[in-house]
Amino acid sequence: MKVFLVIVVVLSIITLIEGKKEKPDKEARKAAKAAKKCTKNIKKFEACLKKGYQSKLGCEAGDGELSKKDLKKCGKAEKKLKKCDFTCSKPEPEPEPEPEPEP
């Protein structure tokens, strides 16, 4: 009976030690989860912009009007994007061509 008890204790200790070694880093998991949420929210927000949502971030909006429900959803998505440090990609203005010198 004593031998059985010793074997159980030893196996329990080994299992606990091995279990702690295999767990991935918590910070890495949190960062991956946050990045995944950000990409999901970006897609939602871009869909809102196409529908005509007027963004406070300065993004260009499409034509159309949104219902109250859609406005609320788009506002929530915008707030979540602020936490992700999202910025709208603004098109760069084309430089004006320089006038050709007259001979």
Protein backbone atom coordinates (compact mmCIF):
# COMPACT_ATOMS: atom_id res chain seq x y z
CA MET A 1 0.00 0.00 0.00
CA LYS A 2 2.87 2.37 0.82
CA VAL A 3 4.48 1.67 -2.55
CA PHE A 4 1.25 2.56 -4.36
CA LEU A 5 0.96 5.84 -2.43
CA VAL A 6 4.57 6.79 -3.24
CA ILE A 7 4.03 6.06 -6.95
CA VAL A 8 0.89 8.22 -7.02
CA VAL A 9 2.66 11.12 -5.30
CA VAL A 10 5.66 10.93 -7.63
CA LEU A 11 3.45 10.82 -10.73
CA SER A 12 1.42 13.77 -9.47
CA ILE A 13 4.53 15.85 -8.95
CA ILE A 14 5.86 14.99 -12.41
CA THR A 15 2.52 15.87 -14.00
CA LEU A 16 2.43 19.25 -12.26
CA ILE A 17 5.98 20.10 -13.30
CA GLU A 18 5.42 19.12 -16.96
CA GLY A 19 2.10 20.96 -17.12
CA LYS A 20 3.72 24.25 -16.09
CA LYS A 21 6.41 23.99 -18.76
CA GLU A 22 4.01 23.64 -21.70
CA LYS A 23 1.82 26.69 -21.10
CA PRO A 24 2.44 29.53 -23.56
CA ASP A 25 3.13 33.06 -22.44
CA LYS A 26 -0.01 34.90 -21.26
CA GLU A 27 1.10 38.22 -22.73
CA ALA A 28 1.63 36.68 -26.16
CA ARG A 29 -1.85 35.16 -26.07
CA LYS A 30 -3.39 38.49 -25.05
CA ALA A 31 -1.56 40.34 -27.81
CA ALA A 32 -2.67 37.82 -30.44
CA LYS A 33 -6.27 38.02 -29.24
CA ALA A 34 -6.23 41.83 -29.30
CA ALA A 35 -4.78 41.89 -32.81
CA LYS A 36 -7.48 39.52 -34.00
CA LYS A 37 -10.20 41.72 -32.46
CA CYS A 38 -8.70 44.81 -34.10
CA THR A 39 -8.73 43.28 -37.56
CA LYS A 40 -12.34 42.18 -37.05
CA ASN A 41 -13.37 45.68 -35.95
CA ILE A 42 -11.52 47.28 -38.88
CA LYS A 43 -13.56 45.20 -41.31
CA LYS A 44 -16.80 46.20 -39.57
CA PHE A 45 -15.82 49.86 -39.57
CA GLU A 46 -14.87 49.86 -43.25
CA ALA A 47 -18.28 48.37 -44.04
CA CYS A 48 -19.88 51.20 -42.06
CA LEU A 49 -17.89 53.77 -44.03
CA LYS A 50 -19.07 52.27 -47.30
CA LYS A 51 -22.67 52.51 -46.10
CA GLY A 52 -22.23 56.22 -45.36
CA TYR A 53 -21.11 56.50 -41.72
CA GLN A 54 -19.57 59.91 -40.97
CA SER A 55 -16.46 59.13 -38.95
CA LYS A 56 -14.93 61.31 -36.26
CA LEU A 57 -11.53 59.93 -37.23
CA GLY A 58 -11.60 61.84 -40.51
CA CYS A 59 -12.28 58.89 -42.80
CA GLU A 60 -14.03 59.32 -46.11
CA ALA A 61 -17.59 58.02 -46.11
CA GLY A 62 -19.69 56.62 -48.90
CA ASP A 63 -23.13 57.75 -49.95
CA GLY A 64 -26.20 56.69 -48.04
CA GLU A 65 -27.95 57.09 -44.73
CA LEU A 66 -27.79 54.75 -41.78
CA SER A 67 -30.54 53.70 -39.42
CA LYS A 68 -30.23 54.46 -35.70
CA LYS A 69 -29.24 50.86 -35.05
CA ASP A 70 -26.48 50.99 -37.67
CA LEU A 71 -25.25 54.34 -36.36
CA LYS A 72 -24.96 52.86 -32.89
CA LYS A 73 -23.08 49.79 -34.16
CA CYS A 74 -20.72 51.90 -36.22
CA GLY A 75 -20.08 54.23 -33.28
CA LYS A 76 -19.15 51.29 -31.07
CA ALA A 77 -16.81 49.93 -33.74
CA GLU A 78 -15.18 53.35 -34.03
CA LYS A 79 -14.59 53.54 -30.27
CA LYS A 80 -12.95 50.11 -30.33
CA LEU A 81 -10.69 51.20 -33.17
CA LYS A 82 -9.45 54.18 -31.18
CA LYS A 83 -8.02 51.68 -28.69
CA CYS A 84 -6.23 49.93 -31.57
CA ASP A 85 -4.61 53.21 -32.72
CA PHE A 86 -6.40 52.97 -36.06
CA THR A 87 -5.95 55.78 -38.54
CA CYS A 88 -7.69 56.18 -41.85
CA SER A 89 -5.47 55.91 -44.87
CA LYS A 90 -5.90 59.27 -46.52
CA PRO A 91 -4.99 59.51 -50.19
CA GLU A 92 -1.96 61.66 -50.79
CA PRO A 93 -2.62 64.68 -52.99
CA GLU A 94 -1.06 64.41 -56.40
CA PRO A 95 1.69 66.95 -56.94
CA GLU A 96 0.94 69.49 -59.64
CA PRO A 97 3.20 69.19 -62.65
CA GLU A 98 5.69 71.96 -62.97
CA PRO A 99 5.15 74.25 -65.95
CA GLU A 100 7.61 73.77 -68.76
CA PRO A 101 9.95 76.67 -69.27
CA GLU A 102 9.41 78.55 -72.52
CA PRO A 103 12.48 78.92 -74.73
